[in-house]
């Protein structure tokens, strides 16, 4: 395929407020790639202690061992951990160990944008 056959123009969607709100809601409902079994290997890749991850994520140091032992805590807690680890270049996919992403960053939004931010464990 020649280079001139590739359309390099981005697709532009014009959404009204209701459609935009529906799209935002849908994005918030997508499952996180970060799961409890990712936590310990991700900390190990970064050389972080439980306390270091707790400090960077805002999650309590006591909740992190619970997650690493298989507990799935509130979505906002999982999101806080994912965001902190993704900010350091890790990416998460179900059924795969954490991956170093190079110049890519994860798409998990900062948990402070969530209505239940005050419930982080």
PDB file of N, CA and C in Angstrom:
ATOM      1  N   UNK A   1       0.856  -1.174   0.000  1.00  0.00           N
ATOM      2  CA  UNK A   1       0.000   0.000   0.000  1.00  0.00           C
ATOM      3  C   UNK A   1       0.901   1.236   0.000  1.00  0.00           C
ATOM      4  N   UNK A   2       0.605   2.156  -0.875  1.00  0.00           N
ATOM      5  CA  UNK A   2       1.436   3.350  -0.962  1.00  0.00           C
ATOM      6  C   UNK A   2       1.039   4.352   0.118  1.00  0.00           C
ATOM      7  N   UNK A   3       1.974   5.189   0.467  1.00  0.00           N
ATOM      8  CA  UNK A   3       1.754   6.183   1.526  1.00  0.00           C
ATOM      9  C   UNK A   3       0.658   7.172   1.169  1.00  0.00           C
ATOM     10  N   UNK A   4       0.484   7.480  -0.112  1.00  0.00           N
ATOM     11  CA  UNK A   4      -0.544   8.451  -0.491  1.00  0.00           C
ATOM     12  C   UNK A   4      -1.956   7.859  -0.428  1.00  0.00           C
ATOM     13  N   UNK A   5      -2.065   6.536  -0.240  1.00  0.00           N
ATOM     14  CA  UNK A   5      -3.379   5.900  -0.128  1.00  0.00           C
ATOM     15  C   UNK A   5      -3.901   5.908   1.311  1.00  0.00           C
ATOM     16  N   UNK A   6      -3.053   6.280   2.240  1.00  0.00           N
ATOM     17  CA  UNK A   6      -3.464   6.310   3.648  1.00  0.00           C
ATOM     18  C   UNK A   6      -4.042   7.673   3.974  1.00  0.00           C
ATOM     19  N   UNK A   7      -5.250   7.676   4.519  1.00  0.00           N
ATOM     20  CA  UNK A   7      -5.912   8.917   4.926  1.00  0.00           C
ATOM     21  C   UNK A   7      -5.356   9.342   6.276  1.00  0.00           C
ATOM     22  N   UNK A   8      -4.659  10.445   6.317  1.00  0.00           N
ATOM     23  CA  UNK A   8      -4.048  10.916   7.568  1.00  0.00           C
ATOM     24  C   UNK A   8      -4.910  11.938   8.296  1.00  0.00           C
ATOM     25  N   UNK A   9      -6.061  12.253   7.746  1.00  0.00           N
ATOM     26  CA  UNK A   9      -6.949  13.222   8.393  1.00  0.00           C
ATOM     27  C   UNK A   9      -7.723  12.533   9.517  1.00  0.00           C
ATOM     28  N   UNK A  10      -7.749  13.128  10.709  1.00  0.00           N
ATOM     29  CA  UNK A  10      -8.508  12.515  11.804  1.00  0.00           C
ATOM     30  C   UNK A  10     -10.001  12.580  11.527  1.00  0.00           C
ATOM     31  N   UNK A  11     -10.698  11.612  12.071  1.00  0.00           N
ATOM     32  CA  UNK A  11     -12.153  11.610  11.965  1.00  0.00           C
ATOM     33  C   UNK A  11     -12.694  12.609  12.974  1.00  0.00           C
ATOM     34  N   UNK A  12     -13.576  13.469  12.551  1.00  0.00           N
ATOM     35  CA  UNK A  12     -14.158  14.476  13.435  1.00  0.00           C
ATOM     36  C   UNK A  12     -15.634  14.164  13.634  1.00  0.00           C
ATOM     37  N   UNK A  13     -16.020  14.014  14.873  1.00  0.00           N
ATOM     38  CA  UNK A  13     -17.416  13.788  15.211  1.00  0.00           C
ATOM     39  C   UNK A  13     -17.980  15.056  15.831  1.00  0.00           C
ATOM     40  N   UNK A  14     -19.156  15.399  15.435  1.00  0.00           N
ATOM     41  CA  UNK A  14     -19.843  16.539  16.033  1.00  0.00           C
ATOM     42  C   UNK A  14     -20.929  15.956  16.925  1.00  0.00           C
ATOM     43  N   UNK A  15     -20.760  16.131  18.238  1.00  0.00           N
ATOM     44  CA  UNK A  15     -21.692  15.573  19.203  1.00  0.00           C
ATOM     45  C   UNK A  15     -22.418  16.686  19.933  1.00  0.00           C
ATOM     46  N   UNK A  16     -23.708  16.495  20.145  1.00  0.00           N
ATOM     47  CA  UNK A  16     -24.420  17.473  20.966  1.00  0.00           C
ATOM     48  C   UNK A  16     -24.150  17.137  22.435  1.00  0.00           C
ATOM     49  N   UNK A  17     -24.624  17.960  23.348  1.00  0.00           N
ATOM     50  CA  UNK A  17     -24.328  17.783  24.774  1.00  0.00           C
ATOM     51  C   UNK A  17     -24.807  16.434  25.301  1.00  0.00           C
ATOM     52  N   UNK A  18     -25.968  15.996  24.871  1.00  0.00           N
ATOM     53  CA  UNK A  18     -26.515  14.719  25.347  1.00  0.00           C
ATOM     54  C   UNK A  18     -25.656  13.547  24.863  1.00  0.00           C
ATOM     55  N   UNK A  19     -25.227  13.614  23.613  1.00  0.00           N
ATOM     56  CA  UNK A  19     -24.379  12.553  23.080  1.00  0.00           C
ATOM     57  C   UNK A  19     -23.014  12.546  23.768  1.00  0.00           C
ATOM     58  N   UNK A  20     -22.484  13.724  24.024  1.00  0.00           N
ATOM     59  CA  UNK A  20     -21.201  13.829  24.706  1.00  0.00           C
ATOM     60  C   UNK A  20     -21.291  13.265  26.125  1.00  0.00           C
ATOM     61  N   UNK A  21     -22.374  13.581  26.811  1.00  0.00           N
ATOM     62  CA  UNK A  21     -22.582  13.063  28.164  1.00  0.00           C
ATOM     63  C   UNK A  21     -22.700  11.535  28.143  1.00  0.00           C
ATOM     64  N   UNK A  22     -23.399  10.996  27.159  1.00  0.00           N
ATOM     65  CA  UNK A  22     -23.523   9.546  27.026  1.00  0.00           C
ATOM     66  C   UNK A  22     -22.163   8.905  26.753  1.00  0.00           C
ATOM     67  N   UNK A  23     -21.359   9.540  25.932  1.00  0.00           N
ATOM     68  CA  UNK A  23     -20.027   9.025  25.621  1.00  0.00           C
ATOM     69  C   UNK A  23     -19.139   9.033  26.872  1.00  0.00           C
ATOM     70  N   UNK A  24     -19.192  10.105  27.645  1.00  0.00           N
ATOM     71  CA  UNK A  24     -18.413  10.189  28.880  1.00  0.00           C
ATOM     72  C   UNK A  24     -18.844   9.105  29.856  1.00  0.00           C
ATOM     73  N   UNK A  25     -20.170   8.886  29.966  1.00  0.00           N
ATOM     74  CA  UNK A  25     -20.679   7.847  30.857  1.00  0.00           C
ATOM     75  C   UNK A  25     -20.159   6.484  30.418  1.00  0.00           C
ATOM     76  N   UNK A  26     -20.209   6.216  29.117  1.00  0.00           N
ATOM     77  CA  UNK A  26     -19.735   4.941  28.597  1.00  0.00           C
ATOM     78  C   UNK A  26     -18.261   4.732  28.923  1.00  0.00           C
ATOM     79  N   UNK A  27     -17.451   5.745  28.743  1.00  0.00           N
ATOM     80  CA  UNK A  27     -16.023   5.636  29.026  1.00  0.00           C
ATOM     81  C   UNK A  27     -15.775   5.336  30.506  1.00  0.00           C
ATOM     82  N   UNK A  28     -16.586   5.907  31.384  1.00  0.00           N
ATOM     83  CA  UNK A  28     -16.437   5.654  32.820  1.00  0.00           C
ATOM     84  C   UNK A  28     -16.819   4.229  33.180  1.00  0.00           C
ATOM     85  N   UNK A  29     -17.663   3.588  32.379  1.00  0.00           N
ATOM     86  CA  UNK A  29     -18.147   2.240  32.680  1.00  0.00           C
ATOM     87  C   UNK A  29     -17.239   1.141  32.138  1.00  0.00           C
ATOM     88  N   UNK A  30     -16.294   1.497  31.274  1.00  0.00           N
ATOM     89  CA  UNK A  30     -15.392   0.481  30.742  1.00  0.00           C
ATOM     90  C   UNK A  30     -14.612  -0.154  31.885  1.00  0.00           C
ATOM     91  N   UNK A  31     -14.400  -1.455  31.821  1.00  0.00           N
ATOM     92  CA  UNK A  31     -13.653  -2.104  32.903  1.00  0.00           C
ATOM     93  C   UNK A  31     -12.188  -1.653  32.895  1.00  0.00           C
ATOM     94  N   UNK A  32     -11.613  -1.599  34.075  1.00  0.00           N
ATOM     95  CA  UNK A  32     -10.198  -1.265  34.194  1.00  0.00           C
ATOM     96  C   UNK A  32      -9.365  -2.444  33.716  1.00  0.00           C
ATOM     97  N   UNK A  33      -8.235  -2.160  33.103  1.00  0.00           N
ATOM     98  CA  UNK A  33      -7.302  -3.224  32.746  1.00  0.00           C
ATOM     99  C   UNK A  33      -6.530  -3.703  33.961  1.00  0.00           C
ATOM    100  N   UNK A  34      -6.438  -2.840  34.976  1.00  0.00           N
ATOM    101  CA  UNK A  34      -5.694  -3.150  36.193  1.00  0.00           C
ATOM    102  C   UNK A  34      -6.541  -4.036  37.097  1.00  0.00           C
ATOM    103  N   UNK A  35      -6.008  -5.190  37.458  1.00  0.00           N
ATOM    104  CA  UNK A  35      -6.708  -6.143  38.316  1.00  0.00           C
ATOM    105  C   UNK A  35      -5.842  -6.478  39.520  1.00  0.00           C
ATOM    106  N   UNK A  36      -6.423  -7.070  40.570  1.00  0.00           N
ATOM    107  CA  UNK A  36      -5.642  -7.323  41.793  1.00  0.00           C
ATOM    108  C   UNK A  36      -4.321  -8.052  41.563  1.00  0.00           C
ATOM    109  N   UNK A  37      -4.291  -9.015  40.637  1.00  0.00           N
ATOM    110  CA  UNK A  37      -3.050  -9.769  40.420  1.00  0.00           C
ATOM    111  C   UNK A  37      -1.959  -8.946  39.730  1.00  0.00           C
ATOM    112  N   UNK A  38      -2.253  -7.736  39.289  1.00  0.00           N
ATOM    113  CA  UNK A  38      -1.237  -6.868  38.684  1.00  0.00           C
ATOM    114  C   UNK A  38      -0.425  -6.102  39.732  1.00  0.00           C
ATOM    115  N   UNK A  39      -0.966  -5.924  40.915  1.00  0.00           N
ATOM    116  CA  UNK A  39      -0.399  -4.978  41.874  1.00  0.00           C
ATOM    117  C   UNK A  39       1.031  -5.336  42.304  1.00  0.00           C
ATOM    118  N   UNK A  40       1.235  -6.523  42.844  1.00  0.00           N
ATOM    119  CA  UNK A  40       2.574  -6.898  43.335  1.00  0.00           C
ATOM    120  C   UNK A  40       3.615  -6.910  42.218  1.00  0.00           C
ATOM    121  N   UNK A  41       3.326  -7.518  41.046  1.00  0.00           N
ATOM    122  CA  UNK A  41       4.333  -7.484  39.975  1.00  0.00           C
ATOM    123  C   UNK A  41       4.637  -6.067  39.485  1.00  0.00           C
ATOM    124  N   UNK A  42       3.630  -5.190  39.482  1.00  0.00           N
ATOM    125  CA  UNK A  42       3.854  -3.805  39.053  1.00  0.00           C
ATOM    126  C   UNK A  42       4.756  -3.089  40.046  1.00  0.00           C
ATOM    127  N   UNK A  43       4.503  -3.283  41.331  1.00  0.00           N
ATOM    128  CA  UNK A  43       5.377  -2.668  42.353  1.00  0.00           C
ATOM    129  C   UNK A  43       6.800  -3.169  42.187  1.00  0.00           C
ATOM    130  N   UNK A  44       6.936  -4.464  41.933  1.00  0.00           N
ATOM    131  CA  UNK A  44       8.262  -5.057  41.768  1.00  0.00           C
ATOM    132  C   UNK A  44       8.994  -4.467  40.563  1.00  0.00           C
ATOM    133  N   UNK A  45       8.283  -4.302  39.444  1.00  0.00           N
ATOM    134  CA  UNK A  45       8.894  -3.711  38.244  1.00  0.00           C
ATOM    135  C   UNK A  45       9.458  -2.317  38.528  1.00  0.00           C
ATOM    136  N   UNK A  46       8.735  -1.563  39.365  1.00  0.00           N
ATOM    137  CA  UNK A  46       9.154  -0.197  39.667  1.00  0.00           C
ATOM    138  C   UNK A  46      10.070  -0.109  40.882  1.00  0.00           C
ATOM    139  N   UNK A  47      10.232  -1.217  41.589  1.00  0.00           N
ATOM    140  CA  UNK A  47      11.055  -1.209  42.797  1.00  0.00           C
ATOM    141  C   UNK A  47      10.402  -0.453  43.948  1.00  0.00           C
ATOM    142  N   UNK A  48       9.077  -0.454  43.978  1.00  0.00           N
ATOM    143  CA  UNK A  48       8.337   0.291  44.993  1.00  0.00           C
ATOM    144  C   UNK A  48       7.918  -0.610  46.148  1.00  0.00           C
ATOM    145  N   UNK A  49       7.959  -0.079  47.340  1.00  0.00           N
ATOM    146  CA  UNK A  49       7.415  -0.747  48.509  1.00  0.00           C
ATOM    147  C   UNK A  49       5.907  -0.489  48.566  1.00  0.00           C
ATOM    148  N   UNK A  50       5.229  -1.157  49.487  1.00  0.00           N
ATOM    149  CA  UNK A  50       3.807  -0.892  49.715  1.00  0.00           C
ATOM    150  C   UNK A  50       3.613   0.575  50.079  1.00  0.00           C
ATOM    151  N   UNK A  51       4.488   1.079  50.940  1.00  0.00           N
ATOM    152  CA  UNK A  51       4.373   2.469  51.388  1.00  0.00           C
ATOM    153  C   UNK A  51       4.570   3.457  50.238  1.00  0.00           C
ATOM    154  N   UNK A  52       5.484   3.153  49.326  1.00  0.00           N
ATOM    155  CA  UNK A  52       5.723   4.040  48.179  1.00  0.00           C
ATOM    156  C   UNK A  52       4.491   4.096  47.278  1.00  0.00           C
ATOM    157  N   UNK A  53       3.879   2.935  47.011  1.00  0.00           N
ATOM    158  CA  UNK A  53       2.667   2.917  46.186  1.00  0.00           C
ATOM    159  C   UNK A  53       1.527   3.632  46.901  1.00  0.00           C
ATOM    160  N   UNK A  54       1.418   3.433  48.204  1.00  0.00           N
ATOM    161  CA  UNK A  54       0.366   4.106  48.972  1.00  0.00           C
ATOM    162  C   UNK A  54       0.532   5.620  48.880  1.00  0.00           C
ATOM    163  N   UNK A  55       1.758   6.095  49.025  1.00  0.00           N
ATOM    164  CA  UNK A  55       2.031   7.534  48.967  1.00  0.00           C
ATOM    165  C   UNK A  55       1.671   8.104  47.597  1.00  0.00           C
ATOM    166  N   UNK A  56       2.056   7.416  46.535  1.00  0.00           N
ATOM    167  CA  UNK A  56       1.836   7.927  45.180  1.00  0.00           C
ATOM    168  C   UNK A  56       0.383   7.804  44.709  1.00  0.00           C
ATOM    169  N   UNK A  57      -0.361   6.866  45.291  1.00  0.00           N
ATOM    170  CA  UNK A  57      -1.730   6.631  44.829  1.00  0.00           C
ATOM    171  C   UNK A  57      -2.804   7.228  45.731  1.00  0.00           C
ATOM    172  N   UNK A  58      -2.456   7.472  47.002  1.00  0.00           N
ATOM    173  CA  UNK A  58      -3.464   7.936  47.952  1.00  0.00           C
ATOM    174  C   UNK A  58      -4.250   6.798  48.582  1.00  0.00           C
ATOM    175  N   UNK A  59      -3.893   5.573  48.259  1.00  0.00           N
ATOM    176  CA  UNK A  59      -4.543   4.395  48.835  1.00  0.00           C
ATOM    177  C   UNK A  59      -3.840   4.063  50.151  1.00  0.00           C
ATOM    178  N   UNK A  60      -4.582   3.597  51.132  1.00  0.00           N
ATOM    179  CA  UNK A  60      -3.979   3.304  52.435  1.00  0.00           C
ATOM    180  C   UNK A  60      -3.006   2.132  52.322  1.00  0.00           C
ATOM    181  N   UNK A  61      -1.923   2.166  53.103  1.00  0.00           N
ATOM    182  CA  UNK A  61      -0.963   1.055  53.067  1.00  0.00           C
ATOM    183  C   UNK A  61      -1.591  -0.283  53.439  1.00  0.00           C
ATOM    184  N   UNK A  62      -2.641  -0.263  54.234  1.00  0.00           N
ATOM    185  CA  UNK A  62      -3.297  -1.513  54.615  1.00  0.00           C
ATOM    186  C   UNK A  62      -4.130  -2.129  53.506  1.00  0.00           C
ATOM    187  N   UNK A  63      -4.607  -1.315  52.584  1.00  0.00           N
ATOM    188  CA  UNK A  63      -5.449  -1.833  51.497  1.00  0.00           C
ATOM    189  C   UNK A  63      -4.620  -2.537  50.428  1.00  0.00           C
ATOM    190  N   UNK A  64      -3.374  -2.148  50.269  1.00  0.00           N
ATOM    191  CA  UNK A  64      -2.554  -2.713  49.188  1.00  0.00           C
ATOM    192  C   UNK A  64      -2.297  -4.209  49.377  1.00  0.00           C
ATOM    193  N   UNK A  65      -1.906  -4.675  50.582  1.00  0.00           N
ATOM    194  CA  UNK A  65      -1.780  -6.134  50.750  1.00  0.00           C
ATOM    195  C   UNK A  65      -3.100  -6.879  50.519  1.00  0.00           C
ATOM    196  N   UNK A  66      -4.219  -6.257  50.859  1.00  0.00           N
ATOM    197  CA  UNK A  66      -5.519  -6.889  50.600  1.00  0.00           C
ATOM    198  C   UNK A  66      -5.714  -7.109  49.108  1.00  0.00           C
ATOM    199  N   UNK A  67      -5.376  -6.102  48.328  1.00  0.00           N
ATOM    200  CA  UNK A  67      -5.500  -6.209  46.870  1.00  0.00           C
ATOM    201  C   UNK A  67      -4.547  -7.283  46.349  1.00  0.00           C
ATOM    202  N   UNK A  68      -3.326  -7.268  46.853  1.00  0.00           N
ATOM    203  CA  UNK A  68      -2.326  -8.234  46.385  1.00  0.00           C
ATOM    204  C   UNK A  68      -2.681  -9.665  46.771  1.00  0.00           C
ATOM    205  N   UNK A  69      -3.543  -9.830  47.770  1.00  0.00           N
ATOM    206  CA  UNK A  69      -4.016 -11.160  48.155  1.00  0.00           C
ATOM    207  C   UNK A  69      -5.315 -11.530  47.455  1.00  0.00           C
ATOM    208  N   UNK A  70      -5.723 -10.731  46.456  1.00  0.00           N
ATOM    209  CA  UNK A  70      -6.851 -11.096  45.617  1.00  0.00           C
ATOM    210  C   UNK A  70      -8.135 -10.334  45.844  1.00  0.00           C
ATOM    211  N   UNK A  71      -8.190  -9.486  46.856  1.00  0.00           N
ATOM    212  CA  UNK A  71      -9.416  -8.724  47.091  1.00  0.00           C
ATOM    213  C   UNK A  71      -9.553  -7.648  46.024  1.00  0.00           C
ATOM    214  N   UNK A  72     -10.763  -7.470  45.534  1.00  0.00           N
ATOM    215  CA  UNK A  72     -11.013  -6.360  44.619  1.00  0.00           C
ATOM    216  C   UNK A  72     -11.784  -5.314  45.405  1.00  0.00           C
ATOM    217  N   UNK A  73     -11.141  -4.201  45.629  1.00  0.00           N
ATOM    218  CA  UNK A  73     -11.738  -3.141  46.429  1.00  0.00           C
ATOM    219  C   UNK A  73     -12.553  -2.221  45.527  1.00  0.00           C
ATOM    220  N   UNK A  74     -12.996  -1.123  46.076  1.00  0.00           N
ATOM    221  CA  UNK A  74     -13.821  -0.187  45.301  1.00  0.00           C
ATOM    222  C   UNK A  74     -13.122   0.197  43.999  1.00  0.00           C
ATOM    223  N   UNK A  75     -13.941   0.453  42.993  1.00  0.00           N
ATOM    224  CA  UNK A  75     -13.415   0.837  41.681  1.00  0.00           C
ATOM    225  C   UNK A  75     -12.500   2.053  41.795  1.00  0.00           C
ATOM    226  N   UNK A  76     -12.864   3.035  42.604  1.00  0.00           N
ATOM    227  CA  UNK A  76     -12.055   4.247  42.722  1.00  0.00           C
ATOM    228  C   UNK A  76     -10.682   3.926  43.334  1.00  0.00           C
ATOM    229  N   UNK A  77     -10.622   2.936  44.227  1.00  0.00           N
ATOM    230  CA  UNK A  77      -9.343   2.519  44.801  1.00  0.00           C
ATOM    231  C   UNK A  77      -8.480   1.857  43.736  1.00  0.00           C
ATOM    232  N   UNK A  78      -9.079   0.967  42.960  1.00  0.00           N
ATOM    233  CA  UNK A  78      -8.348   0.306  41.880  1.00  0.00           C
ATOM    234  C   UNK A  78      -7.887   1.331  40.842  1.00  0.00           C
ATOM    235  N   UNK A  79      -8.742   2.316  40.596  1.00  0.00           N
ATOM    236  CA  UNK A  79      -8.409   3.363  39.631  1.00  0.00           C
ATOM    237  C   UNK A  79      -7.231   4.195  40.137  1.00  0.00           C
ATOM    238  N   UNK A  80      -7.202   4.499  41.423  1.00  0.00           N
ATOM    239  CA  UNK A  80      -6.091   5.275  41.993  1.00  0.00           C
ATOM    240  C   UNK A  80      -4.775   4.527  41.843  1.00  0.00           C
ATOM    241  N   UNK A  81      -4.790   3.229  42.104  1.00  0.00           N
ATOM    242  CA  UNK A  81      -3.575   2.428  41.939  1.00  0.00           C
ATOM    243  C   UNK A  81      -3.151   2.375  40.476  1.00  0.00           C
ATOM    244  N   UNK A  82      -4.114   2.124  39.595  1.00  0.00           N
ATOM    245  CA  UNK A  82      -3.803   2.057  38.162  1.00  0.00           C
ATOM    246  C   UNK A  82      -3.208   3.371  37.670  1.00  0.00           C
ATOM    247  N   UNK A  83      -3.802   4.479  38.070  1.00  0.00           N
ATOM    248  CA  UNK A  83      -3.324   5.787  37.623  1.00  0.00           C
ATOM    249  C   UNK A  83      -1.883   6.024  38.084  1.00  0.00           C
ATOM    250  N   UNK A  84      -1.580   5.714  39.332  1.00  0.00           N
ATOM    251  CA  UNK A  84      -0.222   5.926  39.858  1.00  0.00           C
ATOM    252  C   UNK A  84       0.794   5.063  39.119  1.00  0.00           C
ATOM    253  N   UNK A  85       0.451   3.818  38.849  1.00  0.00           N
ATOM    254  CA  UNK A  85       1.378   2.914  38.166  1.00  0.00           C
ATOM    255  C   UNK A  85       1.505   3.249  36.682  1.00  0.00           C
ATOM    256  N   UNK A  86       0.410   3.625  36.054  1.00  0.00           N
ATOM    257  CA  UNK A  86       0.459   4.012  34.640  1.00  0.00           C
ATOM    258  C   UNK A  86       1.261   5.293  34.438  1.00  0.00           C
ATOM    259  N   UNK A  87       1.232   6.181  35.429  1.00  0.00           N
ATOM    260  CA  UNK A  87       1.996   7.430  35.326  1.00  0.00           C
ATOM    261  C   UNK A  87       3.499   7.153  35.245  1.00  0.00           C
ATOM    262  N   UNK A  88       3.913   5.972  35.706  1.00  0.00           N
ATOM    263  CA  UNK A  88       5.325   5.580  35.645  1.00  0.00           C
ATOM    264  C   UNK A  88       5.609   4.663  34.461  1.00  0.00           C
ATOM    265  N   UNK A  89       4.675   4.602  33.509  1.00  0.00           N
ATOM    266  CA  UNK A  89       4.937   3.905  32.254  1.00  0.00           C
ATOM    267  C   UNK A  89       4.515   2.453  32.200  1.00  0.00           C
ATOM    268  N   UNK A  90       3.663   2.002  33.101  1.00  0.00           N
ATOM    269  CA  UNK A  90       3.182   0.629  33.035  1.00  0.00           C
ATOM    270  C   UNK A  90       1.802   0.592  32.383  1.00  0.00           C
ATOM    271  N   UNK A  91       1.514  -0.528  31.732  1.00  0.00           N
ATOM    272  CA  UNK A  91       0.191  -0.734  31.133  1.00  0.00           C
ATOM    273  C   UNK A  91      -0.310  -2.090  31.593  1.00  0.00           C
ATOM    274  N   UNK A  92      -1.638  -2.212  31.656  1.00  0.00           N
ATOM    275  CA  UNK A  92      -2.251  -3.423  32.191  1.00  0.00           C
ATOM    276  C   UNK A  92      -3.302  -3.964  31.238  1.00  0.00           C
ATOM    277  N   UNK A  93      -3.222  -5.279  31.009  1.00  0.00           N
ATOM    278  CA  UNK A  93      -4.199  -5.986  30.201  1.00  0.00           C
ATOM    279  C   UNK A  93      -4.589  -7.241  30.955  1.00  0.00           C
ATOM    280  N   UNK A  94      -5.877  -7.568  30.991  1.00  0.00           N
ATOM    281  CA  UNK A  94      -6.292  -8.797  31.672  1.00  0.00           C
ATOM    282  C   UNK A  94      -5.530 -10.009  31.136  1.00  0.00           C
ATOM    283  N   UNK A  95      -5.172 -10.913  32.035  1.00  0.00           N
ATOM    284  CA  UNK A  95      -4.477 -12.173  31.722  1.00  0.00           C
ATOM    285  C   UNK A  95      -3.029 -11.994  31.286  1.00  0.00           C
ATOM    286  N   UNK A  96      -2.473 -10.794  31.453  1.00  0.00           N
ATOM    287  CA  UNK A  96      -1.071 -10.548  31.120  1.00  0.00           C
ATOM    288  C   UNK A  96      -0.386  -9.848  32.290  1.00  0.00           C
ATOM    289  N   UNK A  97       0.896 -10.097  32.475  1.00  0.00           N
ATOM    290  CA  UNK A  97       1.602  -9.355  33.519  1.00  0.00           C
ATOM    291  C   UNK A  97       1.718  -7.879  33.130  1.00  0.00           C
ATOM    292  N   UNK A  98       2.028  -7.019  34.091  1.00  0.00           N
ATOM    293  CA  UNK A  98       2.216  -5.597  33.758  1.00  0.00           C
ATOM    294  C   UNK A  98       3.307  -5.444  32.701  1.00  0.00           C
ATOM    295  N   UNK A  99       3.118  -4.495  31.825  1.00  0.00           N
ATOM    296  CA  UNK A  99       4.066  -4.247  30.737  1.00  0.00           C
ATOM    297  C   UNK A  99       4.632  -2.848  30.841  1.00  0.00           C
ATOM    298  N   UNK A 100       5.913  -2.712  30.535  1.00  0.00           N
ATOM    299  CA  UNK A 100       6.493  -1.374  30.405  1.00  0.00           C
ATOM    300  C   UNK A 100       6.034  -0.833  29.064  1.00  0.00           C
ATOM    301  N   UNK A 101       5.509   0.376  29.074  1.00  0.00           N
ATOM    302  CA  UNK A 101       4.862   0.909  27.882  1.00  0.00           C
ATOM    303  C   UNK A 101       5.740   1.833  27.052  1.00  0.00           C
ATOM    304  N   UNK A 102       6.961   2.056  27.442  1.00  0.00           N
ATOM    305  CA  UNK A 102       7.796   2.975  26.682  1.00  0.00           C
ATOM    306  C   UNK A 102       7.235   4.375  26.742  1.00  0.00           C
ATOM    307  N   UNK A 103       6.927   4.940  25.591  1.00  0.00           N
ATOM    308  CA  UNK A 103       6.420   6.317  25.572  1.00  0.00           C
ATOM    309  C   UNK A 103       4.896   6.389  25.613  1.00  0.00           C
ATOM    310  N   UNK A 104       4.220   5.254  25.816  1.00  0.00           N
ATOM    311  CA  UNK A 104       2.755   5.250  25.946  1.00  0.00           C
ATOM    312  C   UNK A 104       2.381   5.429  27.415  1.00  0.00           C
ATOM    313  N   UNK A 105       1.219   5.916  27.646  1.00  0.00           N
ATOM    314  CA  UNK A 105       0.699   6.031  29.002  1.00  0.00           C
ATOM    315  C   UNK A 105      -0.697   5.439  29.022  1.00  0.00           C
ATOM    316  N   UNK A 106      -1.067   4.891  30.150  1.00  0.00           N
ATOM    317  CA  UNK A 106      -2.397   4.326  30.309  1.00  0.00           C
ATOM    318  C   UNK A 106      -3.459   5.404  30.234  1.00  0.00           C
ATOM    319  N   UNK A 107      -4.675   4.967  30.081  1.00  0.00           N
ATOM    320  CA  UNK A 107      -5.785   5.902  29.907  1.00  0.00           C
ATOM    321  C   UNK A 107      -6.629   6.074  31.165  1.00  0.00           C
ATOM    322  N   UNK A 108      -6.207   5.508  32.281  1.00  0.00           N
ATOM    323  CA  UNK A 108      -6.995   5.628  33.502  1.00  0.00           C
ATOM    324  C   UNK A 108      -6.986   7.076  33.955  1.00  0.00           C
ATOM    325  N   UNK A 109      -8.160   7.684  34.072  1.00  0.00           N
ATOM    326  CA  UNK A 109      -8.205   9.083  34.521  1.00  0.00           C
ATOM    327  C   UNK A 109      -7.834   9.202  35.999  1.00  0.00           C
ATOM    328  N   UNK A 110      -7.403  10.387  36.383  1.00  0.00           N
ATOM    329  CA  UNK A 110      -7.066  10.611  37.783  1.00  0.00           C
ATOM    330  C   UNK A 110      -8.313  10.381  38.620  1.00  0.00           C
ATOM    331  N   UNK A 111      -8.197   9.628  39.703  1.00  0.00           N
ATOM    332  CA  UNK A 111      -9.388   9.285  40.484  1.00  0.00           C
ATOM    333  C   UNK A 111     -10.088  10.475  41.136  1.00  0.00           C
ATOM    334  N   UNK A 112      -9.426  11.604  41.241  1.00  0.00           N
ATOM    335  CA  UNK A 112     -10.078  12.764  41.868  1.00  0.00           C
ATOM    336  C   UNK A 112     -11.246  13.281  41.035  1.00  0.00           C
ATOM    337  N   UNK A 113     -11.362  12.809  39.788  1.00  0.00           N
ATOM    338  CA  UNK A 113     -12.488  13.223  38.947  1.00  0.00           C
ATOM    339  C   UNK A 113     -13.744  12.397  39.230  1.00  0.00           C
ATOM    340  N   UNK A 114     -13.615  11.361  40.043  1.00  0.00           N
ATOM    341  CA  UNK A 114     -14.742  10.480  40.337  1.00  0.00           C
ATOM    342  C   UNK A 114     -15.562  11.018  41.507  1.00  0.00           C
ATOM    343  N   UNK A 115     -16.865  10.802  41.437  1.00  0.00           N
ATOM    344  CA  UNK A 115     -17.756  11.254  42.507  1.00  0.00           C
ATOM    345  C   UNK A 115     -17.466  10.560  43.837  1.00  0.00           C
ATOM    346  N   UNK A 116     -16.946   9.336  43.783  1.00  0.00           N
ATOM    347  CA  UNK A 116     -16.691   8.599  45.022  1.00  0.00           C
ATOM    348  C   UNK A 116     -15.224   8.653  45.449  1.00  0.00           C
ATOM    349  N   UNK A 117     -14.513   9.677  45.018  1.00  0.00           N
ATOM    350  CA  UNK A 117     -13.086   9.831  45.341  1.00  0.00           C
ATOM    351  C   UNK A 117     -12.848   9.755  46.845  1.00  0.00           C
ATOM    352  N   UNK A 118     -13.757  10.292  47.627  1.00  0.00           N
ATOM    353  CA  UNK A 118     -13.606  10.311  49.085  1.00  0.00           C
ATOM    354  C   UNK A 118     -13.694   8.919  49.700  1.00  0.00           C
ATOM    355  N   UNK A 119     -14.038   7.899  48.910  1.00  0.00           N
ATOM    356  CA  UNK A 119     -14.178   6.539  49.412  1.00  0.00           C
ATOM    357  C   UNK A 119     -12.946   5.669  49.155  1.00  0.00           C
ATOM    358  N   UNK A 120     -11.871   6.264  48.660  1.00  0.00           N
ATOM    359  CA  UNK A 120     -10.654   5.465  48.426  1.00  0.00           C
ATOM    360  C   UNK A 120     -10.259   4.781  49.730  1.00  0.00           C
ATOM    361  N   UNK A 121      -9.953   3.508  49.596  1.00  0.00           N
ATOM    362  CA  UNK A 121      -9.624   2.704  50.790  1.00  0.00           C
ATOM    363  C   UNK A 121      -8.164   2.835  51.149  1.00  0.00           C
TER     364      UNK A 121
END
